């Protein structure tokens, strides 16, 4: 199973599947991970790749003791669909 990688140099989480990269751009501020934008390439849209990426982002935030501010519509919608991560929402 592909893993989510925190590319701190580019301030984004990445998930590579089938040679394509799904990204979640972020900014950190005071213990809050602000998800600014989530994007999947056309080849992965509808495959669930962005959701798998968000699972990894949630796991990373939890491990770091951070909250998530979903400034991106996709991230906000994903968190609403996954109440098990509700405790992470800032």
PDB file of N, CA and C in Angstrom:
ATOM      1  N   UNK A   1       0.851  -1.190   0.000  1.00  0.00           N
ATOM      2  CA  UNK A   1       0.000   0.000   0.000  1.00  0.00           C
ATOM      3  C   UNK A   1       0.888   1.243   0.000  1.00  0.00           C
ATOM      4  N   UNK A   2       0.617   2.197  -0.872  1.00  0.00           N
ATOM      5  CA  UNK A   2       1.408   3.428  -0.917  1.00  0.00           C
ATOM      6  C   UNK A   2       1.272   4.202   0.394  1.00  0.00           C
ATOM      7  N   UNK A   3       2.323   4.916   0.745  1.00  0.00           N
ATOM      8  CA  UNK A   3       2.288   5.690   1.974  1.00  0.00           C
ATOM      9  C   UNK A   3       2.296   7.180   1.680  1.00  0.00           C
ATOM     10  N   UNK A   4       1.729   7.922   2.607  1.00  0.00           N
ATOM     11  CA  UNK A   4       1.688   9.380   2.500  1.00  0.00           C
ATOM     12  C   UNK A   4       3.009   9.922   3.032  1.00  0.00           C
ATOM     13  N   UNK A   5       3.603  10.817   2.286  1.00  0.00           N
ATOM     14  CA  UNK A   5       4.898  11.400   2.622  1.00  0.00           C
ATOM     15  C   UNK A   5       4.725  12.900   2.861  1.00  0.00           C
ATOM     16  N   UNK A   6       5.304  13.394   3.958  1.00  0.00           N
ATOM     17  CA  UNK A   6       5.303  14.829   4.231  1.00  0.00           C
ATOM     18  C   UNK A   6       6.525  15.422   3.552  1.00  0.00           C
ATOM     19  N   UNK A   7       6.309  16.104   2.449  1.00  0.00           N
ATOM     20  CA  UNK A   7       7.389  16.782   1.730  1.00  0.00           C
ATOM     21  C   UNK A   7       7.495  18.189   2.317  1.00  0.00           C
ATOM     22  N   UNK A   8       8.210  18.293   3.437  1.00  0.00           N
ATOM     23  CA  UNK A   8       8.300  19.561   4.166  1.00  0.00           C
ATOM     24  C   UNK A   8       8.932  20.667   3.321  1.00  0.00           C
ATOM     25  N   UNK A   9       9.850  20.313   2.427  1.00  0.00           N
ATOM     26  CA  UNK A   9      10.502  21.312   1.576  1.00  0.00           C
ATOM     27  C   UNK A   9       9.490  22.032   0.684  1.00  0.00           C
ATOM     28  N   UNK A  10       8.445  21.307   0.264  1.00  0.00           N
ATOM     29  CA  UNK A  10       7.410  21.903  -0.593  1.00  0.00           C
ATOM     30  C   UNK A  10       6.131  22.199   0.187  1.00  0.00           C
ATOM     31  N   UNK A  11       6.154  21.983   1.505  1.00  0.00           N
ATOM     32  CA  UNK A  11       4.999  22.154   2.398  1.00  0.00           C
ATOM     33  C   UNK A  11       3.742  21.499   1.823  1.00  0.00           C
ATOM     34  N   UNK A  12       3.885  20.198   1.566  1.00  0.00           N
ATOM     35  CA  UNK A  12       2.738  19.438   1.087  1.00  0.00           C
ATOM     36  C   UNK A  12       2.904  17.966   1.430  1.00  0.00           C
ATOM     37  N   UNK A  13       1.782  17.319   1.640  1.00  0.00           N
ATOM     38  CA  UNK A  13       1.758  15.874   1.787  1.00  0.00           C
ATOM     39  C   UNK A  13       1.567  15.305   0.395  1.00  0.00           C
ATOM     40  N   UNK A  14       2.176  14.156   0.140  1.00  0.00           N
ATOM     41  CA  UNK A  14       2.119  13.536  -1.177  1.00  0.00           C
ATOM     42  C   UNK A  14       1.786  12.055  -1.061  1.00  0.00           C
ATOM     43  N   UNK A  15       1.036  11.581  -2.020  1.00  0.00           N
ATOM     44  CA  UNK A  15       0.745  10.162  -2.155  1.00  0.00           C
ATOM     45  C   UNK A  15       0.907   9.827  -3.629  1.00  0.00           C
ATOM     46  N   UNK A  16       1.802   8.888  -3.928  1.00  0.00           N
ATOM     47  CA  UNK A  16       2.050   8.490  -5.316  1.00  0.00           C
ATOM     48  C   UNK A  16       1.342   7.169  -5.568  1.00  0.00           C
ATOM     49  N   UNK A  17       0.484   7.160  -6.586  1.00  0.00           N
ATOM     50  CA  UNK A  17      -0.219   5.955  -7.011  1.00  0.00           C
ATOM     51  C   UNK A  17      -0.182   5.882  -8.528  1.00  0.00           C
ATOM     52  N   UNK A  18       0.166   4.728  -9.042  1.00  0.00           N
ATOM     53  CA  UNK A  18       0.205   4.504 -10.492  1.00  0.00           C
ATOM     54  C   UNK A  18       1.015   5.579 -11.220  1.00  0.00           C
ATOM     55  N   UNK A  19       2.083   6.046 -10.577  1.00  0.00           N
ATOM     56  CA  UNK A  19       2.960   7.031 -11.207  1.00  0.00           C
ATOM     57  C   UNK A  19       2.447   8.463 -11.154  1.00  0.00           C
ATOM     58  N   UNK A  20       1.343   8.704 -10.478  1.00  0.00           N
ATOM     59  CA  UNK A  20       0.770  10.045 -10.349  1.00  0.00           C
ATOM     60  C   UNK A  20       0.781  10.462  -8.887  1.00  0.00           C
ATOM     61  N   UNK A  21       0.881  11.758  -8.627  1.00  0.00           N
ATOM     62  CA  UNK A  21       0.985  12.254  -7.258  1.00  0.00           C
ATOM     63  C   UNK A  21      -0.226  13.092  -6.875  1.00  0.00           C
ATOM     64  N   UNK A  22      -0.845  12.700  -5.772  1.00  0.00           N
ATOM     65  CA  UNK A  22      -1.931  13.475  -5.155  1.00  0.00           C
ATOM     66  C   UNK A  22      -1.269  14.318  -4.080  1.00  0.00           C
ATOM     67  N   UNK A  23      -1.660  15.586  -3.964  1.00  0.00           N
ATOM     68  CA  UNK A  23      -1.017  16.470  -2.994  1.00  0.00           C
ATOM     69  C   UNK A  23      -2.029  17.196  -2.115  1.00  0.00           C
ATOM     70  N   UNK A  24      -1.580  17.482  -0.901  1.00  0.00           N
ATOM     71  CA  UNK A  24      -2.329  18.336   0.024  1.00  0.00           C
ATOM     72  C   UNK A  24      -1.360  19.410   0.495  1.00  0.00           C
ATOM     73  N   UNK A  25      -1.538  20.616  -0.013  1.00  0.00           N
ATOM     74  CA  UNK A  25      -0.664  21.727   0.374  1.00  0.00           C
ATOM     75  C   UNK A  25      -1.089  22.211   1.748  1.00  0.00           C
ATOM     76  N   UNK A  26      -0.109  22.536   2.584  1.00  0.00           N
ATOM     77  CA  UNK A  26      -0.431  22.938   3.939  1.00  0.00           C
ATOM     78  C   UNK A  26       0.455  24.072   4.431  1.00  0.00           C
ATOM     79  N   UNK A  27       0.059  24.586   5.582  1.00  0.00           N
ATOM     80  CA  UNK A  27       0.851  25.552   6.338  1.00  0.00           C
ATOM     81  C   UNK A  27       0.661  25.182   7.794  1.00  0.00           C
ATOM     82  N   UNK A  28       1.694  25.296   8.587  1.00  0.00           N
ATOM     83  CA  UNK A  28       1.594  25.009  10.019  1.00  0.00           C
ATOM     84  C   UNK A  28       1.635  26.318  10.785  1.00  0.00           C
ATOM     85  N   UNK A  29       0.778  26.417  11.804  1.00  0.00           N
ATOM     86  CA  UNK A  29       0.745  27.619  12.645  1.00  0.00           C
ATOM     87  C   UNK A  29       0.218  27.247  14.025  1.00  0.00           C
ATOM     88  N   UNK A  30       1.058  27.365  15.030  1.00  0.00           N
ATOM     89  CA  UNK A  30       0.631  27.164  16.406  1.00  0.00           C
ATOM     90  C   UNK A  30      -0.045  25.840  16.692  1.00  0.00           C
ATOM     91  N   UNK A  31       0.518  24.748  16.221  1.00  0.00           N
ATOM     92  CA  UNK A  31      -0.059  23.431  16.471  1.00  0.00           C
ATOM     93  C   UNK A  31      -1.238  23.083  15.584  1.00  0.00           C
ATOM     94  N   UNK A  32      -1.455  23.901  14.554  1.00  0.00           N
ATOM     95  CA  UNK A  32      -2.559  23.656  13.616  1.00  0.00           C
ATOM     96  C   UNK A  32      -1.982  23.437  12.222  1.00  0.00           C
ATOM     97  N   UNK A  33      -2.443  22.379  11.600  1.00  0.00           N
ATOM     98  CA  UNK A  33      -2.079  22.052  10.222  1.00  0.00           C
ATOM     99  C   UNK A  33      -3.195  22.608   9.334  1.00  0.00           C
ATOM    100  N   UNK A  34      -2.895  23.656   8.609  1.00  0.00           N
ATOM    101  CA  UNK A  34      -3.883  24.310   7.750  1.00  0.00           C
ATOM    102  C   UNK A  34      -3.780  23.698   6.354  1.00  0.00           C
ATOM    103  N   UNK A  35      -4.811  22.955   5.952  1.00  0.00           N
ATOM    104  CA  UNK A  35      -4.821  22.325   4.632  1.00  0.00           C
ATOM    105  C   UNK A  35      -5.384  23.348   3.647  1.00  0.00           C
ATOM    106  N   UNK A  36      -4.502  23.860   2.794  1.00  0.00           N
ATOM    107  CA  UNK A  36      -4.858  24.943   1.877  1.00  0.00           C
ATOM    108  C   UNK A  36      -5.448  24.448   0.561  1.00  0.00           C
ATOM    109  N   UNK A  37      -5.007  23.259   0.122  1.00  0.00           N
ATOM    110  CA  UNK A  37      -5.452  22.793  -1.198  1.00  0.00           C
ATOM    111  C   UNK A  37      -5.159  21.297  -1.324  1.00  0.00           C
ATOM    112  N   UNK A  38      -6.121  20.548  -1.817  1.00  0.00           N
ATOM    113  CA  UNK A  38      -5.928  19.126  -2.116  1.00  0.00           C
ATOM    114  C   UNK A  38      -6.209  18.948  -3.597  1.00  0.00           C
ATOM    115  N   UNK A  39      -5.296  18.255  -4.272  1.00  0.00           N
ATOM    116  CA  UNK A  39      -5.490  18.065  -5.712  1.00  0.00           C
ATOM    117  C   UNK A  39      -5.012  16.690  -6.153  1.00  0.00           C
ATOM    118  N   UNK A  40      -5.830  16.070  -6.964  1.00  0.00           N
ATOM    119  CA  UNK A  40      -5.477  14.791  -7.584  1.00  0.00           C
ATOM    120  C   UNK A  40      -5.398  15.013  -9.090  1.00  0.00           C
ATOM    121  N   UNK A  41      -4.400  14.418  -9.739  1.00  0.00           N
ATOM    122  CA  UNK A  41      -4.342  14.528 -11.197  1.00  0.00           C
ATOM    123  C   UNK A  41      -5.548  13.826 -11.830  1.00  0.00           C
ATOM    124  N   UNK A  42      -5.890  14.241 -13.019  1.00  0.00           N
ATOM    125  CA  UNK A  42      -7.052  13.683 -13.721  1.00  0.00           C
ATOM    126  C   UNK A  42      -7.051  12.156 -13.724  1.00  0.00           C
ATOM    127  N   UNK A  43      -5.887  11.564 -13.888  1.00  0.00           N
ATOM    128  CA  UNK A  43      -5.796  10.100 -13.980  1.00  0.00           C
ATOM    129  C   UNK A  43      -6.247   9.403 -12.691  1.00  0.00           C
ATOM    130  N   UNK A  44      -6.211  10.112 -11.560  1.00  0.00           N
ATOM    131  CA  UNK A  44      -6.595   9.498 -10.282  1.00  0.00           C
ATOM    132  C   UNK A  44      -7.936   9.983  -9.746  1.00  0.00           C
ATOM    133  N   UNK A  45      -8.551  10.925 -10.411  1.00  0.00           N
ATOM    134  CA  UNK A  45      -9.832  11.440  -9.915  1.00  0.00           C
ATOM    135  C   UNK A  45     -10.872  10.339  -9.924  1.00  0.00           C
ATOM    136  N   UNK A  46     -11.615  10.261  -8.850  1.00  0.00           N
ATOM    137  CA  UNK A  46     -12.654   9.251  -8.728  1.00  0.00           C
ATOM    138  C   UNK A  46     -12.145   7.905  -8.238  1.00  0.00           C
ATOM    139  N   UNK A  47     -10.838   7.797  -7.998  1.00  0.00           N
ATOM    140  CA  UNK A  47     -10.254   6.515  -7.579  1.00  0.00           C
ATOM    141  C   UNK A  47     -10.178   6.378  -6.062  1.00  0.00           C
ATOM    142  N   UNK A  48     -10.463   7.464  -5.337  1.00  0.00           N
ATOM    143  CA  UNK A  48     -10.333   7.435  -3.883  1.00  0.00           C
ATOM    144  C   UNK A  48      -8.947   7.824  -3.401  1.00  0.00           C
ATOM    145  N   UNK A  49      -8.057   8.188  -4.316  1.00  0.00           N
ATOM    146  CA  UNK A  49      -6.682   8.522  -3.940  1.00  0.00           C
ATOM    147  C   UNK A  49      -6.625   9.735  -3.014  1.00  0.00           C
ATOM    148  N   UNK A  50      -7.436  10.748  -3.267  1.00  0.00           N
ATOM    149  CA  UNK A  50      -7.420  11.938  -2.408  1.00  0.00           C
ATOM    150  C   UNK A  50      -7.889  11.580  -0.999  1.00  0.00           C
ATOM    151  N   UNK A  51      -8.832  10.683  -0.889  1.00  0.00           N
ATOM    152  CA  UNK A  51      -9.288  10.224   0.426  1.00  0.00           C
ATOM    153  C   UNK A  51      -8.205   9.451   1.155  1.00  0.00           C
ATOM    154  N   UNK A  52      -7.462   8.628   0.421  1.00  0.00           N
ATOM    155  CA  UNK A  52      -6.348   7.897   1.041  1.00  0.00           C
ATOM    156  C   UNK A  52      -5.267   8.877   1.500  1.00  0.00           C
ATOM    157  N   UNK A  53      -5.051   9.910   0.712  1.00  0.00           N
ATOM    158  CA  UNK A  53      -4.107  10.960   1.110  1.00  0.00           C
ATOM    159  C   UNK A  53      -4.578  11.620   2.406  1.00  0.00           C
ATOM    160  N   UNK A  54      -5.855  11.965   2.472  1.00  0.00           N
ATOM    161  CA  UNK A  54      -6.382  12.627   3.673  1.00  0.00           C
ATOM    162  C   UNK A  54      -6.305  11.720   4.900  1.00  0.00           C
ATOM    163  N   UNK A  55      -6.461  10.420   4.724  1.00  0.00           N
ATOM    164  CA  UNK A  55      -6.279   9.486   5.848  1.00  0.00           C
ATOM    165  C   UNK A  55      -4.858   9.616   6.387  1.00  0.00           C
ATOM    166  N   UNK A  56      -3.895   9.703   5.485  1.00  0.00           N
ATOM    167  CA  UNK A  56      -2.501   9.867   5.892  1.00  0.00           C
ATOM    168  C   UNK A  56      -2.239  11.199   6.551  1.00  0.00           C
ATOM    169  N   UNK A  57      -2.878  12.252   6.041  1.00  0.00           N
ATOM    170  CA  UNK A  57      -2.743  13.579   6.645  1.00  0.00           C
ATOM    171  C   UNK A  57      -3.305  13.557   8.066  1.00  0.00           C
ATOM    172  N   UNK A  58      -4.471  12.947   8.241  1.00  0.00           N
ATOM    173  CA  UNK A  58      -5.083  12.852   9.567  1.00  0.00           C
ATOM    174  C   UNK A  58      -4.178  12.068  10.515  1.00  0.00           C
ATOM    175  N   UNK A  59      -3.607  10.970  10.043  1.00  0.00           N
ATOM    176  CA  UNK A  59      -2.705  10.166  10.875  1.00  0.00           C
ATOM    177  C   UNK A  59      -1.473  10.974  11.267  1.00  0.00           C
ATOM    178  N   UNK A  60      -0.931  11.741  10.328  1.00  0.00           N
ATOM    179  CA  UNK A  60       0.253  12.560  10.610  1.00  0.00           C
ATOM    180  C   UNK A  60      -0.072  13.649  11.631  1.00  0.00           C
ATOM    181  N   UNK A  61      -1.232  14.282  11.472  1.00  0.00           N
ATOM    182  CA  UNK A  61      -1.641  15.324  12.424  1.00  0.00           C
ATOM    183  C   UNK A  61      -1.813  14.726  13.816  1.00  0.00           C
ATOM    184  N   UNK A  62      -2.460  13.585  13.888  1.00  0.00           N
ATOM    185  CA  UNK A  62      -2.677  12.915  15.175  1.00  0.00           C
ATOM    186  C   UNK A  62      -1.348  12.565  15.830  1.00  0.00           C
ATOM    187  N   UNK A  63      -0.422  12.006  15.051  1.00  0.00           N
ATOM    188  CA  UNK A  63       0.883  11.612  15.582  1.00  0.00           C
ATOM    189  C   UNK A  63       1.681  12.813  16.084  1.00  0.00           C
ATOM    190  N   UNK A  64       1.498  13.963  15.438  1.00  0.00           N
ATOM    191  CA  UNK A  64       2.230  15.174  15.824  1.00  0.00           C
ATOM    192  C   UNK A  64       1.505  15.977  16.899  1.00  0.00           C
ATOM    193  N   UNK A  65       0.300  15.534  17.274  1.00  0.00           N
ATOM    194  CA  UNK A  65      -0.478  16.278  18.260  1.00  0.00           C
ATOM    195  C   UNK A  65      -1.030  17.577  17.714  1.00  0.00           C
ATOM    196  N   UNK A  66      -1.263  17.620  16.398  1.00  0.00           N
ATOM    197  CA  UNK A  66      -1.765  18.826  15.749  1.00  0.00           C
ATOM    198  C   UNK A  66      -3.263  18.715  15.486  1.00  0.00           C
ATOM    199  N   UNK A  67      -3.904  19.861  15.325  1.00  0.00           N
ATOM    200  CA  UNK A  67      -5.280  19.950  14.870  1.00  0.00           C
ATOM    201  C   UNK A  67      -5.237  20.264  13.380  1.00  0.00           C
ATOM    202  N   UNK A  68      -6.359  20.083  12.700  1.00  0.00           N
ATOM    203  CA  UNK A  68      -6.440  20.373  11.262  1.00  0.00           C
ATOM    204  C   UNK A  68      -7.455  21.488  11.029  1.00  0.00           C
ATOM    205  N   UNK A  69      -7.024  22.495  10.293  1.00  0.00           N
ATOM    206  CA  UNK A  69      -7.923  23.547   9.823  1.00  0.00           C
ATOM    207  C   UNK A  69      -8.113  23.281   8.332  1.00  0.00           C
ATOM    208  N   UNK A  70      -9.292  22.774   7.936  1.00  0.00           N
ATOM    209  CA  UNK A  70      -9.516  22.445   6.524  1.00  0.00           C
ATOM    210  C   UNK A  70      -9.925  23.678   5.713  1.00  0.00           C
ATOM    211  N   UNK A  71      -8.948  24.473   5.306  1.00  0.00           N
ATOM    212  CA  UNK A  71      -9.231  25.686   4.531  1.00  0.00           C
ATOM    213  C   UNK A  71      -9.659  25.360   3.101  1.00  0.00           C
ATOM    214  N   UNK A  72      -9.429  24.151   2.678  1.00  0.00           N
ATOM    215  CA  UNK A  72      -9.799  23.673   1.343  1.00  0.00           C
ATOM    216  C   UNK A  72     -11.167  22.995   1.414  1.00  0.00           C
ATOM    217  N   UNK A  73     -12.019  23.237   0.436  1.00  0.00           N
ATOM    218  CA  UNK A  73     -13.358  22.643   0.418  1.00  0.00           C
ATOM    219  C   UNK A  73     -13.315  21.122   0.458  1.00  0.00           C
ATOM    220  N   UNK A  74     -12.379  20.524  -0.275  1.00  0.00           N
ATOM    221  CA  UNK A  74     -12.301  19.058  -0.290  1.00  0.00           C
ATOM    222  C   UNK A  74     -11.946  18.533   1.100  1.00  0.00           C
ATOM    223  N   UNK A  75     -10.945  19.133   1.726  1.00  0.00           N
ATOM    224  CA  UNK A  75     -10.523  18.683   3.056  1.00  0.00           C
ATOM    225  C   UNK A  75     -11.667  18.829   4.057  1.00  0.00           C
ATOM    226  N   UNK A  76     -12.393  19.935   3.974  1.00  0.00           N
ATOM    227  CA  UNK A  76     -13.524  20.152   4.886  1.00  0.00           C
ATOM    228  C   UNK A  76     -14.600  19.089   4.664  1.00  0.00           C
ATOM    229  N   UNK A  77     -14.925  18.815   3.417  1.00  0.00           N
ATOM    230  CA  UNK A  77     -15.948  17.817   3.098  1.00  0.00           C
ATOM    231  C   UNK A  77     -15.491  16.428   3.542  1.00  0.00           C
ATOM    232  N   UNK A  78     -14.225  16.110   3.336  1.00  0.00           N
ATOM    233  CA  UNK A  78     -13.706  14.800   3.730  1.00  0.00           C
ATOM    234  C   UNK A  78     -13.809  14.624   5.246  1.00  0.00           C
ATOM    235  N   UNK A  79     -13.428  15.652   5.988  1.00  0.00           N
ATOM    236  CA  UNK A  79     -13.497  15.557   7.453  1.00  0.00           C
ATOM    237  C   UNK A  79     -14.939  15.405   7.933  1.00  0.00           C
ATOM    238  N   UNK A  80     -15.880  16.056   7.260  1.00  0.00           N
ATOM    239  CA  UNK A  80     -17.302  15.896   7.633  1.00  0.00           C
ATOM    240  C   UNK A  80     -17.772  14.472   7.384  1.00  0.00           C
ATOM    241  N   UNK A  81     -17.271  13.847   6.309  1.00  0.00           N
ATOM    242  CA  UNK A  81     -17.651  12.468   5.981  1.00  0.00           C
ATOM    243  C   UNK A  81     -16.966  11.444   6.878  1.00  0.00           C
ATOM    244  N   UNK A  82     -15.971  11.872   7.644  1.00  0.00           N
ATOM    245  CA  UNK A  82     -15.202  10.963   8.500  1.00  0.00           C
ATOM    246  C   UNK A  82     -15.205  11.475   9.935  1.00  0.00           C
ATOM    247  N   UNK A  83     -16.333  11.310  10.609  1.00  0.00           N
ATOM    248  CA  UNK A  83     -16.452  11.837  11.975  1.00  0.00           C
ATOM    249  C   UNK A  83     -15.456  11.227  12.965  1.00  0.00           C
ATOM    250  N   UNK A  84     -14.861  10.095  12.601  1.00  0.00           N
ATOM    251  CA  UNK A  84     -13.863   9.494  13.488  1.00  0.00           C
ATOM    252  C   UNK A  84     -12.632  10.379  13.640  1.00  0.00           C
ATOM    253  N   UNK A  85     -12.505  11.377  12.759  1.00  0.00           N
ATOM    254  CA  UNK A  85     -11.399  12.326  12.852  1.00  0.00           C
ATOM    255  C   UNK A  85     -11.871  13.699  13.337  1.00  0.00           C
ATOM    256  N   UNK A  86     -13.088  13.790  13.800  1.00  0.00           N
ATOM    257  CA  UNK A  86     -13.662  15.056  14.246  1.00  0.00           C
ATOM    258  C   UNK A  86     -12.875  15.726  15.349  1.00  0.00           C
ATOM    259  N   UNK A  87     -12.216  14.927  16.183  1.00  0.00           N
ATOM    260  CA  UNK A  87     -11.424  15.510  17.272  1.00  0.00           C
ATOM    261  C   UNK A  87     -10.199  16.263  16.776  1.00  0.00           C
ATOM    262  N   UNK A  88      -9.849  16.090  15.499  1.00  0.00           N
ATOM    263  CA  UNK A  88      -8.695  16.780  14.932  1.00  0.00           C
ATOM    264  C   UNK A  88      -9.031  18.146  14.361  1.00  0.00           C
ATOM    265  N   UNK A  89     -10.303  18.439  14.174  1.00  0.00           N
ATOM    266  CA  UNK A  89     -10.692  19.691  13.519  1.00  0.00           C
ATOM    267  C   UNK A  89     -10.483  20.857  14.479  1.00  0.00           C
ATOM    268  N   UNK A  90      -9.734  21.850  13.995  1.00  0.00           N
ATOM    269  CA  UNK A  90      -9.450  23.052  14.804  1.00  0.00           C
ATOM    270  C   UNK A  90     -10.642  23.987  14.802  1.00  0.00           C
TER     271      UNK A  90
END
